[in-house]
Protein backbone atom coordinates (compact mmCIF):
# COMPACT_ATOMS: atom_id res chain seq x y z
CA MET A 1 14.83 -4.61 0.22
CA LYS A 2 12.68 -2.21 -1.77
CA PRO A 3 14.10 1.00 -3.24
CA ALA A 4 14.58 3.86 -0.79
CA VAL A 5 12.53 7.04 -0.87
CA ILE A 6 13.85 10.50 -0.04
CA ILE A 7 11.05 12.75 1.24
CA ILE A 8 11.50 16.53 1.02
CA LEU A 9 9.20 19.37 2.00
CA GLY A 10 10.72 22.22 0.01
CA GLU A 11 12.85 23.03 -3.01
CA SER A 12 15.72 24.11 -0.76
CA SER A 13 16.27 20.44 0.17
CA ILE A 14 16.71 19.21 -3.40
CA ALA A 15 20.51 19.68 -3.37
CA ILE A 16 20.97 17.53 -0.24
CA ALA A 17 18.54 14.96 -1.68
CA ARG A 18 20.53 14.73 -4.91
CA GLN A 19 23.74 14.32 -2.91
CA ILE A 20 22.18 11.42 -0.99
CA GLN A 21 20.99 9.95 -4.27
CA THR A 22 24.62 9.59 -5.41
CA VAL A 23 25.26 6.99 -2.68
CA ILE A 24 21.76 5.53 -2.27
CA THR A 25 21.50 5.06 -6.01
CA ASN A 26 18.09 3.40 -6.17
CA ALA A 27 16.39 6.18 -4.19
CA THR A 28 13.53 8.25 -5.59
CA ILE A 29 12.99 11.83 -4.43
CA TYR A 30 9.41 12.68 -3.44
CA GLY A 31 8.68 16.40 -3.16
CA LEU A 32 5.67 18.21 -1.69
CA ALA A 33 3.71 19.29 -4.76
CA SER A 34 2.98 22.83 -3.55
CA ARG A 35 6.60 23.59 -2.63
CA THR A 36 8.87 21.67 -5.01
CA GLN A 37 9.51 21.69 -8.74
CA ASN A 38 12.46 19.36 -9.39
CA ALA A 39 11.69 16.21 -7.39
CA ASP A 40 11.43 12.86 -9.18
CA ARG A 41 7.84 12.52 -8.00
CA GLN A 42 5.39 14.70 -6.14
CA TYR A 43 2.95 14.11 -3.31
CA ASN A 44 0.22 16.15 -1.64
CA LYS A 45 -0.05 14.85 1.93
CA PHE A 46 3.10 14.12 3.93
CA SER A 47 1.77 11.72 6.59
CA GLU A 48 -0.34 9.69 4.16
CA THR A 49 2.52 9.36 1.68
CA VAL A 50 5.13 8.40 4.29
CA SER A 51 2.77 5.90 5.93
CA GLU A 52 1.91 4.23 2.63
CA LEU A 53 5.55 3.95 1.51
CA PHE A 54 6.60 2.63 4.95
CA SER A 55 3.80 0.04 4.87
CA GLN A 56 5.03 -1.11 1.46
CA GLY A 57 8.52 -1.68 2.91
CA HIS A 58 10.43 1.24 1.38
CA PRO A 59 13.30 2.71 3.45
CA ILE A 60 12.37 6.31 4.28
CA ILE A 61 14.96 9.10 4.25
CA GLY A 62 13.22 12.26 5.43
CA ILE A 63 14.98 15.59 5.00
CA CYS A 64 12.90 17.07 7.76
CA ALA A 65 12.46 17.13 11.53
CA ALA A 66 12.52 13.74 13.22
CA GLY A 67 9.27 14.53 15.03
CA ILE A 68 7.09 14.71 11.92
CA LEU A 69 8.35 11.30 10.81
CA ILE A 70 7.77 9.78 14.24
CA ARG A 71 4.23 11.15 14.51
CA SER A 72 3.38 9.90 11.01
CA LEU A 73 4.67 6.38 11.58
CA ALA A 74 3.90 5.75 15.26
CA PRO A 75 0.50 4.07 14.61
CA LEU A 76 2.17 1.59 12.23
CA LEU A 77 4.92 0.30 14.52
CA SER A 78 4.46 -3.31 15.62
CA ASP A 79 7.33 -5.58 14.53
CA LYS A 80 10.86 -4.18 14.63
CA ARG A 81 12.16 -7.08 12.54
CA ALA A 82 9.76 -6.17 9.72
CA GLU A 83 10.04 -2.38 9.68
CA PRO A 84 12.22 -0.79 6.98
CA PRO A 85 14.91 1.79 7.83
CA VAL A 86 13.73 5.32 8.63
CA LEU A 87 16.24 8.17 8.83
CA ALA A 88 15.85 11.87 9.55
CA ILE A 89 18.31 14.23 7.83
CA ALA A 90 18.74 17.86 8.87
CA GLU A 91 17.72 20.27 6.10
CA ASP A 92 21.29 21.61 5.90
CA GLY A 93 22.79 18.10 5.96
CA SER A 94 24.42 18.63 9.35
CA ALA A 95 22.75 15.65 11.07
CA VAL A 96 21.93 12.06 10.07
CA VAL A 97 19.71 10.26 12.57
CA PRO A 98 18.55 6.64 12.12
CA LEU A 99 15.14 6.41 13.81
CA LEU A 100 13.80 2.94 12.94
CA GLY A 101 14.88 -0.24 11.22
CA GLY A 102 18.15 -0.85 13.03
CA LEU A 103 17.68 -4.58 12.39
CA ASN A 104 17.22 -3.95 8.69
CA GLY A 105 20.19 -1.78 7.82
CA ALA A 106 19.29 1.69 9.11
CA ASN A 107 22.64 2.19 10.84
CA GLU A 108 24.64 1.10 7.80
CA MET A 109 22.54 3.40 5.60
CA ALA A 110 23.20 6.23 8.09
CA ARG A 111 26.96 5.61 7.83
CA ILE A 112 26.84 5.69 4.03
CA ILE A 113 24.85 8.95 3.99
CA GLY A 114 26.95 10.46 6.76
CA ASN A 115 30.11 9.74 4.80
CA ALA A 116 28.64 11.42 1.70
CA LEU A 117 27.58 14.49 3.71
CA LYS A 118 30.84 14.45 5.74
CA VAL A 119 29.04 14.26 9.10
CA GLN A 120 29.12 11.69 11.91
CA PRO A 121 25.78 9.81 11.96
CA ALA A 122 23.93 9.88 15.28
CA ILE A 123 23.92 6.10 15.82
CA THR A 124 22.74 5.24 19.32
CA THR A 125 22.78 1.42 19.11
CA THR A 126 25.41 0.45 21.68
CA GLY A 127 26.51 -2.77 19.98
CA ASP A 128 26.96 -1.07 16.62
CA LEU A 129 28.90 1.80 18.18
CA ARG A 130 31.31 -0.33 20.16
CA PHE A 131 31.80 -3.31 17.86
CA GLN A 132 31.09 -1.79 14.42
CA ALA A 133 28.92 -4.82 13.66
CA SER A 134 25.26 -5.62 14.17
CA LEU A 135 24.98 -9.15 15.55
CA LEU A 136 21.18 -9.09 15.50
CA ALA A 137 21.00 -7.97 11.86
CA PRO A 138 23.68 -9.66 9.73
CA PRO A 139 24.37 -8.29 6.24
CA ASP A 140 23.01 -9.75 3.02
CA GLY A 141 24.32 -13.25 2.44
CA TYR A 142 23.98 -14.37 6.07
CA ARG A 143 21.18 -15.28 8.41
CA LEU A 144 21.20 -15.65 12.18
CA LEU A 145 19.82 -19.00 13.32
CA ASN A 146 19.40 -18.05 17.00
CA ASP A 147 16.23 -16.46 18.30
CA ASP A 148 16.09 -12.82 19.42
CA GLU A 149 16.38 -13.54 23.15
CA GLN A 150 19.52 -15.66 22.75
CA ALA A 151 21.14 -13.03 20.52
CA LYS A 152 20.25 -10.16 22.89
CA THR A 153 21.73 -11.99 25.88
CA PHE A 154 24.86 -12.83 23.89
CA LEU A 155 25.32 -9.16 22.93
CA ALA A 156 24.69 -7.98 26.49
CA ASP A 157 27.39 -10.35 27.74
CA LEU A 158 29.93 -8.97 25.27
CA LEU A 159 29.05 -5.40 26.26
CA ALA A 160 29.61 -6.46 29.88
CA GLY A 161 33.14 -7.67 29.11
CA LYS A 162 32.91 -11.23 27.84
CA SER A 163 35.13 -12.31 24.93
CA VAL A 164 34.19 -14.34 21.87
CA GLN A 165 35.83 -16.94 19.63
CA LEU A 166 35.09 -16.89 15.87
CA ILE A 167 34.73 -20.26 14.17
CA GLY A 168 34.64 -20.08 10.39
CA ASP A 169 35.10 -17.06 8.18
CA ALA A 170 33.01 -13.93 7.56
CA PRO A 171 34.70 -10.60 6.74
CA TRP A 172 31.96 -8.53 8.38
CA LEU A 173 32.78 -10.28 11.67
CA SER A 174 36.56 -10.71 11.41
CA GLU A 175 37.03 -7.04 10.46
CA SER A 176 34.81 -5.76 13.29
CA ASN A 177 35.81 -4.60 16.78
CA LEU A 178 34.35 -7.64 18.54
CA PRO A 179 36.43 -8.79 21.56
CA PHE A 180 37.93 -11.91 19.99
CA ALA A 181 40.02 -14.34 22.04
CA ASP A 182 41.19 -17.90 21.53
CA GLU A 183 40.00 -18.91 24.99
CA ALA A 184 36.49 -17.45 25.27
CA THR A 185 33.25 -18.38 26.95
CA HIS A 186 31.20 -17.27 23.94
CA ARG A 187 31.40 -18.46 20.35
CA ILE A 188 30.21 -17.31 16.94
CA GLU A 189 30.22 -19.92 14.21
CA VAL A 190 29.73 -19.31 10.47
CA VAL A 191 28.44 -22.35 8.59
CA SER A 192 27.57 -23.27 5.02
CA SER A 193 24.04 -23.18 3.70
CA LYS A 194 24.42 -26.88 2.90
CA ILE A 195 24.41 -27.89 6.59
CA GLY A 196 20.98 -28.94 7.81
CA LEU A 197 19.29 -27.06 10.64
CA ASP A 198 18.66 -30.30 12.52
CA ILE A 199 22.42 -30.73 12.95
CA LEU A 200 22.90 -27.17 14.21
CA ALA A 201 19.88 -26.80 16.50
CA SER A 202 21.51 -28.36 19.55
CA LYS A 203 24.36 -25.82 19.50
CA LEU A 204 22.18 -22.70 19.56
CA SER A 205 22.24 -20.87 22.90
CA SER A 206 22.81 -17.48 24.52
CA THR A 207 26.57 -18.19 24.42
CA TYR A 208 26.73 -19.75 20.93
CA LEU A 209 25.54 -17.81 17.87
CA ILE A 210 25.44 -19.44 14.45
CA TYR A 211 25.26 -17.54 11.17
CA GLN A 212 24.47 -19.53 8.04
CA THR A 213 25.45 -18.31 4.59
CA VAL A 214 22.59 -17.71 2.18
CA PRO A 215 23.38 -18.76 -1.39
CA SER A 216 22.94 -16.07 -4.00
CA GLN A 217 20.47 -17.03 -6.67
CA SER A 218 20.92 -16.24 -10.32
CA PRO A 219 18.06 -14.07 -11.48
CA ILE A 220 17.91 -15.90 -14.80
CA GLY A 221 14.76 -18.00 -14.90
CA ASN A 222 13.57 -16.68 -11.54
CA GLY A 223 11.82 -13.53 -12.65
CA LYS A 224 8.43 -12.29 -11.61
CA LEU A 225 5.35 -11.48 -13.65
CA SER A 226 2.57 -9.47 -12.02
CA ILE A 227 -0.72 -8.80 -13.79
CA ILE A 228 -2.32 -5.77 -12.19
CA GLY A 229 -5.52 -3.77 -12.46
CA THR A 230 -5.24 -0.01 -12.13
CA GLY A 231 -8.96 0.47 -11.58
CA PRO A 232 -11.01 2.39 -14.16
CA GLY A 233 -8.55 5.28 -14.26
CA ALA A 234 -8.49 7.46 -11.15
CA ALA A 235 -5.35 7.16 -9.02
CA LYS A 236 -7.51 7.06 -5.88
CA TRP A 237 -8.89 3.70 -7.01
CA MET A 238 -5.46 2.08 -7.37
CA SER A 239 -4.79 -0.25 -4.45
CA PRO A 240 -1.67 0.06 -2.25
CA GLU A 241 -0.71 -3.46 -3.35
CA VAL A 242 -0.78 -2.43 -7.02
CA LYS A 243 1.25 0.70 -6.29
CA ALA A 244 3.89 -1.40 -4.52
CA ILE A 245 4.10 -3.77 -7.50
CA LEU A 246 4.48 -0.84 -9.90
CA GLU A 247 7.23 0.63 -7.71
CA ASP A 248 9.22 -2.62 -7.83
CA ALA A 249 8.76 -3.39 -11.53
CA THR A 250 11.67 -3.19 -13.95
CA ASP A 251 9.59 -3.63 -17.11
CA PHE A 252 6.08 -2.46 -18.02
CA VAL A 253 4.04 -4.33 -20.64
CA GLY A 254 0.61 -3.29 -21.87
CA TYR A 255 -1.71 -1.40 -24.17
CA LYS A 256 -0.20 2.07 -24.53
CA THR A 257 -3.36 3.80 -23.22
CA TYR A 258 -3.19 1.78 -20.01
CA ILE A 259 0.56 2.29 -19.63
CA ASN A 260 -0.13 6.04 -19.66
CA LEU A 261 -2.33 5.59 -16.58
CA VAL A 262 0.77 4.60 -14.56
CA LYS A 263 3.41 6.79 -16.21
CA GLU A 264 4.48 8.23 -12.84
CA PHE A 265 5.86 4.75 -12.01
CA THR A 266 7.67 4.17 -15.32
CA GLN A 267 10.43 6.76 -14.94
CA GLY A 268 13.79 5.06 -15.43
CA LYS A 269 12.06 1.76 -16.25
CA THR A 270 11.66 -0.09 -19.58
CA VAL A 271 8.26 0.28 -21.26
CA HIS A 272 6.94 -2.23 -23.82
CA ALA A 273 3.76 -0.60 -25.15
CA SER A 274 1.61 -2.19 -27.87
CA ASP A 275 -1.75 -1.99 -29.63
CA ASN A 276 -4.95 -3.25 -28.05
CA ARG A 277 -5.53 -6.43 -30.07
CA VAL A 278 -2.31 -8.36 -29.44
CA GLU A 279 -3.10 -9.81 -26.03
CA LEU A 280 -1.48 -13.23 -26.57
CA ASP A 281 1.66 -11.71 -28.10
CA ARG A 282 1.82 -9.33 -25.16
CA ALA A 283 1.51 -12.21 -22.70
CA ARG A 284 4.30 -14.17 -24.44
CA HIS A 285 6.57 -11.13 -24.45
CA ALA A 286 6.00 -10.55 -20.72
CA LEU A 287 6.74 -14.20 -19.92
CA GLU A 288 9.98 -14.07 -21.93
CA LEU A 289 11.08 -10.90 -20.13
CA ALA A 290 10.43 -12.61 -16.80
CA THR A 291 12.64 -15.56 -17.78
CA GLU A 292 15.50 -13.05 -17.99
CA GLY A 293 15.14 -12.41 -14.26
CA LYS A 294 13.19 -9.18 -14.62
CA SER A 295 10.30 -7.98 -12.49
CA VAL A 296 7.63 -7.54 -15.15
CA VAL A 297 4.20 -5.99 -14.75
CA ILE A 298 1.36 -6.30 -17.26
CA VAL A 299 -0.91 -3.30 -16.89
CA SER A 300 -4.68 -3.68 -17.30
CA SER A 301 -7.30 -1.11 -16.48
CA GLY A 302 -10.14 -2.08 -14.17
CA ASP A 303 -9.63 -5.60 -12.84
CA PRO A 304 -7.16 -7.75 -14.85
CA GLY A 305 -9.31 -10.83 -14.30
CA ILE A 306 -12.46 -9.26 -15.84
CA TYR A 307 -11.97 -9.18 -19.62
CA GLY A 308 -8.33 -8.32 -18.86
CA MET A 309 -4.84 -9.70 -19.39
CA ALA A 310 -4.83 -12.30 -16.60
CA ALA A 311 -6.76 -14.84 -18.69
CA ALA A 312 -4.51 -14.19 -21.70
CA VAL A 313 -1.38 -15.05 -19.70
CA PHE A 314 -2.82 -18.30 -18.39
CA GLU A 315 -4.14 -19.16 -21.85
CA VAL A 316 -0.60 -18.91 -23.23
CA LEU A 317 0.75 -20.99 -20.35
CA ASP A 318 -1.91 -23.63 -20.98
CA HIS A 319 -1.45 -23.90 -24.73
CA GLU A 320 2.31 -23.42 -25.11
CA ALA A 321 4.49 -25.71 -23.01
CA ASN A 322 7.68 -23.72 -22.47
CA PRO A 323 9.91 -25.17 -19.71
CA LYS A 324 11.58 -21.77 -19.17
CA TRP A 325 8.29 -20.38 -17.89
CA ASN A 326 8.00 -22.96 -15.09
CA GLN A 327 10.26 -20.98 -12.72
CA ILE A 328 8.45 -17.66 -13.11
CA ASP A 329 6.53 -16.32 -10.14
CA ILE A 330 3.15 -15.19 -11.52
CA TYR A 331 0.81 -13.06 -9.44
CA VAL A 332 -2.53 -11.39 -10.20
CA ALA A 333 -3.38 -8.21 -8.26
CA PRO A 334 -7.06 -7.21 -8.44
CA GLY A 335 -8.42 -3.78 -9.25
CA ILE A 336 -11.75 -1.98 -9.08
CA SER A 337 -13.80 -2.79 -12.17
CA ALA A 338 -15.67 -0.26 -14.32
CA ALA A 339 -18.95 -1.86 -13.28
CA GLN A 340 -18.15 -1.33 -9.61
CA ALA A 341 -17.12 2.28 -10.24
CA ALA A 342 -20.27 3.10 -12.21
CA ALA A 343 -22.49 1.34 -9.67
CA ALA A 344 -20.92 3.21 -6.76
CA ALA A 345 -21.29 6.54 -8.55
CA ILE A 346 -25.06 6.13 -8.89
CA GLY A 347 -25.90 4.16 -5.72
CA ALA A 348 -26.18 0.37 -5.53
CA PRO A 349 -27.68 -1.09 -8.71
CA ILE A 350 -25.70 -4.31 -8.28
CA GLY A 351 -26.67 -4.62 -4.61
CA HIS A 352 -28.24 -8.02 -5.34
CA ASP A 353 -27.31 -10.84 -7.75
CA PHE A 354 -25.72 -9.61 -10.97
CA CYS A 355 -23.53 -10.80 -13.83
CA THR A 356 -21.26 -9.29 -16.49
CA ILE A 357 -21.56 -9.92 -20.24
CA SER A 358 -19.36 -8.54 -23.01
CA LEU A 359 -21.06 -7.69 -26.32
CA SER A 360 -17.79 -8.10 -28.23
CA ASP A 361 -18.10 -10.96 -30.71
CA ILE A 362 -14.41 -10.91 -31.64
CA LEU A 363 -13.54 -13.87 -29.38
CA LYS A 364 -16.96 -15.53 -29.07
CA PRO A 365 -19.88 -15.80 -31.52
CA TRP A 366 -22.95 -13.60 -31.20
CA GLU A 367 -25.10 -16.72 -30.71
CA ILE A 368 -23.36 -17.35 -27.37
CA ILE A 369 -23.78 -13.71 -26.33
CA ALA A 370 -27.51 -13.79 -27.17
CA GLN A 371 -27.93 -17.05 -25.27
CA ARG A 372 -26.31 -15.56 -22.16
CA LEU A 373 -28.30 -12.33 -22.37
CA ALA A 374 -31.50 -14.36 -22.58
CA ALA A 375 -30.55 -16.62 -19.68
CA ALA A 376 -29.51 -13.70 -17.45
CA SER A 377 -32.68 -11.79 -18.32
CA GLN A 378 -34.92 -14.76 -17.53
CA ALA A 379 -33.03 -15.34 -14.26
CA ASP A 380 -33.64 -11.65 -13.42
CA PHE A 381 -29.99 -10.72 -12.88
CA ALA A 382 -28.88 -7.14 -13.01
CA ILE A 383 -26.48 -7.17 -15.96
CA ALA A 384 -23.28 -5.16 -16.42
CA ILE A 385 -22.55 -4.92 -20.14
CA TYR A 386 -18.95 -4.41 -21.24
CA ASN A 387 -17.72 -3.49 -24.75
CA PRO A 388 -21.20 -2.38 -25.81
CA ILE A 389 -20.24 -0.82 -29.15
CA SER A 390 -17.30 0.13 -31.36
CA THR A 391 -16.71 1.68 -34.75
CA GLN A 392 -16.87 -1.79 -36.32
CA ARG A 393 -19.67 -3.17 -34.11
CA ARG A 394 -22.76 -0.98 -34.28
CA TRP A 395 -25.71 -3.37 -34.34
CA GLN A 396 -25.06 -5.54 -31.26
CA LEU A 397 -26.33 -3.05 -28.67
CA THR A 398 -29.69 -2.64 -30.41
CA ALA A 399 -29.97 -6.41 -30.78
CA ALA A 400 -29.19 -6.82 -27.06
CA LYS A 401 -31.82 -4.23 -26.14
CA ASP A 402 -34.49 -5.99 -28.25
CA LEU A 403 -33.62 -9.27 -26.61
CA LEU A 404 -33.73 -7.79 -23.08
CA LEU A 405 -37.14 -6.24 -23.72
CA GLN A 406 -38.58 -9.74 -24.11
CA TRP A 407 -38.18 -10.20 -20.33
CA ARG A 408 -37.68 -6.67 -18.93
CA SER A 409 -40.04 -3.72 -18.71
CA PRO A 410 -39.27 -0.76 -21.02
CA ASP A 411 -39.03 1.31 -17.82
CA THR A 412 -36.19 -0.82 -16.39
CA PRO A 413 -33.46 1.54 -15.07
CA VAL A 414 -30.27 1.57 -17.14
CA ILE A 415 -27.03 3.21 -15.98
CA LEU A 416 -24.49 4.48 -18.50
CA GLY A 417 -21.05 4.93 -16.96
CA HIS A 418 -18.70 6.74 -19.35
CA LYS A 419 -14.92 7.14 -18.82
CA MET A 420 -15.13 6.15 -15.15
CA GLY A 421 -12.25 7.66 -13.16
CA ARG A 422 -10.94 9.66 -16.12
CA LYS A 423 -11.34 13.12 -17.57
CA GLY A 424 -14.83 13.41 -19.00
CA GLU A 425 -16.42 10.94 -16.55
CA ASN A 426 -20.20 10.93 -16.84
CA VAL A 427 -22.91 8.77 -15.27
CA ARG A 428 -26.53 9.00 -16.36
CA VAL A 429 -29.74 7.03 -15.83
CA ILE A 430 -32.20 6.24 -18.62
CA ALA A 431 -34.98 3.73 -19.22
CA LEU A 432 -34.29 0.55 -21.17
CA SER A 433 -36.58 1.78 -23.94
CA GLU A 434 -34.27 4.79 -24.46
CA LEU A 435 -31.07 2.78 -24.89
CA ALA A 436 -29.50 3.57 -28.27
CA PRO A 437 -26.09 3.04 -29.94
CA GLU A 438 -25.22 6.74 -29.99
CA LEU A 439 -25.34 6.84 -26.17
CA ALA A 440 -22.38 4.48 -25.70
CA ASP A 441 -18.87 3.67 -26.88
CA MET A 442 -16.05 1.30 -25.87
CA GLN A 443 -15.34 3.46 -22.81
CA THR A 444 -18.91 2.98 -21.54
CA VAL A 445 -20.11 0.32 -19.14
CA ILE A 446 -23.87 -0.23 -19.09
CA ILE A 447 -25.76 -1.63 -16.11
CA ILE A 448 -29.22 -3.03 -16.84
CA GLY A 449 -31.35 -3.21 -13.71
CA SER A 450 -33.31 -6.29 -12.63
CA SER A 451 -37.09 -6.28 -12.24
CA LYS A 452 -36.54 -5.13 -8.62
CA THR A 453 -34.09 -2.27 -9.34
CA LYS A 454 -35.47 1.11 -8.27
CA VAL A 455 -34.80 4.75 -9.08
CA LEU A 456 -34.70 6.90 -5.95
CA GLN A 457 -35.36 10.63 -6.15
CA TRP A 458 -33.32 11.95 -3.22
CA GLY A 459 -33.79 15.68 -2.98
CA ASP A 460 -32.46 17.02 -6.28
CA ARG A 461 -30.38 13.88 -6.82
CA VAL A 462 -31.10 10.58 -8.51
CA ARG A 463 -29.88 7.28 -7.13
CA VAL A 464 -30.45 3.72 -8.32
CA TYR A 465 -30.41 0.62 -6.15
CA THR A 466 -31.47 -3.02 -6.15
CA PRO A 467 -33.00 -4.03 -2.78
CA ARG A 468 -31.35 -6.79 -0.82
CA LYS A 469 -34.69 -8.38 -0.02
CA TYR A 470 -36.18 -10.22 -2.96
CA ASP A 471 -39.96 -10.62 -2.58
């Protein structure tokens, strides 16, 4: 289960939230930005924040009225077996009410919090109240093999007065208040994970429940490595999937500038920041961390698969056969690229066929870059140019311009997108003939229009687009 989140609306709730945090130790306190000062993290919109965290699978502990939680989450409710626990806590700590997620530990969480606050939790699940055990939602280490209908009928029979015989051993069952009897019409059996399901299937019924133990797995060698893209820089461009990965990560690996883009997620986590030109070393380090059972995230800006760290990781895997890395779960989460951000800011210049070309000749020779620029120009692609210039590389942009002018008109629209999604963002449109080194840097993406790309004067605004129809 993902870490819990404690949502508060005002600073007066921080004391109760901290008290809850002592027993729900992995919980993070989210406070309304306009009304709190000492929360672990801040948010601006209650319903949007609660909905996003719930969708990601985080248990929600709201120190607020039950109604505001219900109204926020009602549109998302569909599968009670998948929904995480949701609890409402009175602002003075006098009430603990589990609202959702009874099959995923909400009642047990309510008991833990109620004990800490010295109040009786308002648990309304009849089976839990009477038997002090949830037959439909066994604790970690066990799984119920019966389907929901069989389990519900079984529980209803016990509530109606039937007795049950326990076969096997499980403390959570033997220490409960279930009506055990040696001669009983109903049976609960606890079996080893080594027994095959085909052997057990014939026993399963509404009078015979079977719980199978789930072996605990050593985290060593079974870590996870996620390579994510934050987007160009603005938090609004970071996908919910990426945010969920960042929430779950134990270790952050990346160029220090990119790590700073996600610093709100690194609190209490381990950060491994490095310089920008050690991509392969960074990939090796992340893989080694993952072999220790850690949940590692490599942070790229933009999209990690576009001149980002994803290729570096797979390059290391391809060239260095390390058996320890074979058990790592590796996942790439996409992000919005700088080219997409710049294009959207000015209209739709890549609305037809386009390509991306990096002018950096650190990892490939200039001859290859020139060949690709020429081919893309002759094919009449719109071209997004990455890494156009740096303090050490000043001549490549002028050389690229001269080459492009062999096939493009000097009036071809060119978009300069600078620091997209960050402080100082600027997007401007010039003609190809005006393109000069002093207009760009490594934080600039340049989009060269095709022969069909048009500049649209729209009132007092300028927009650029490439028509979908190619005459």
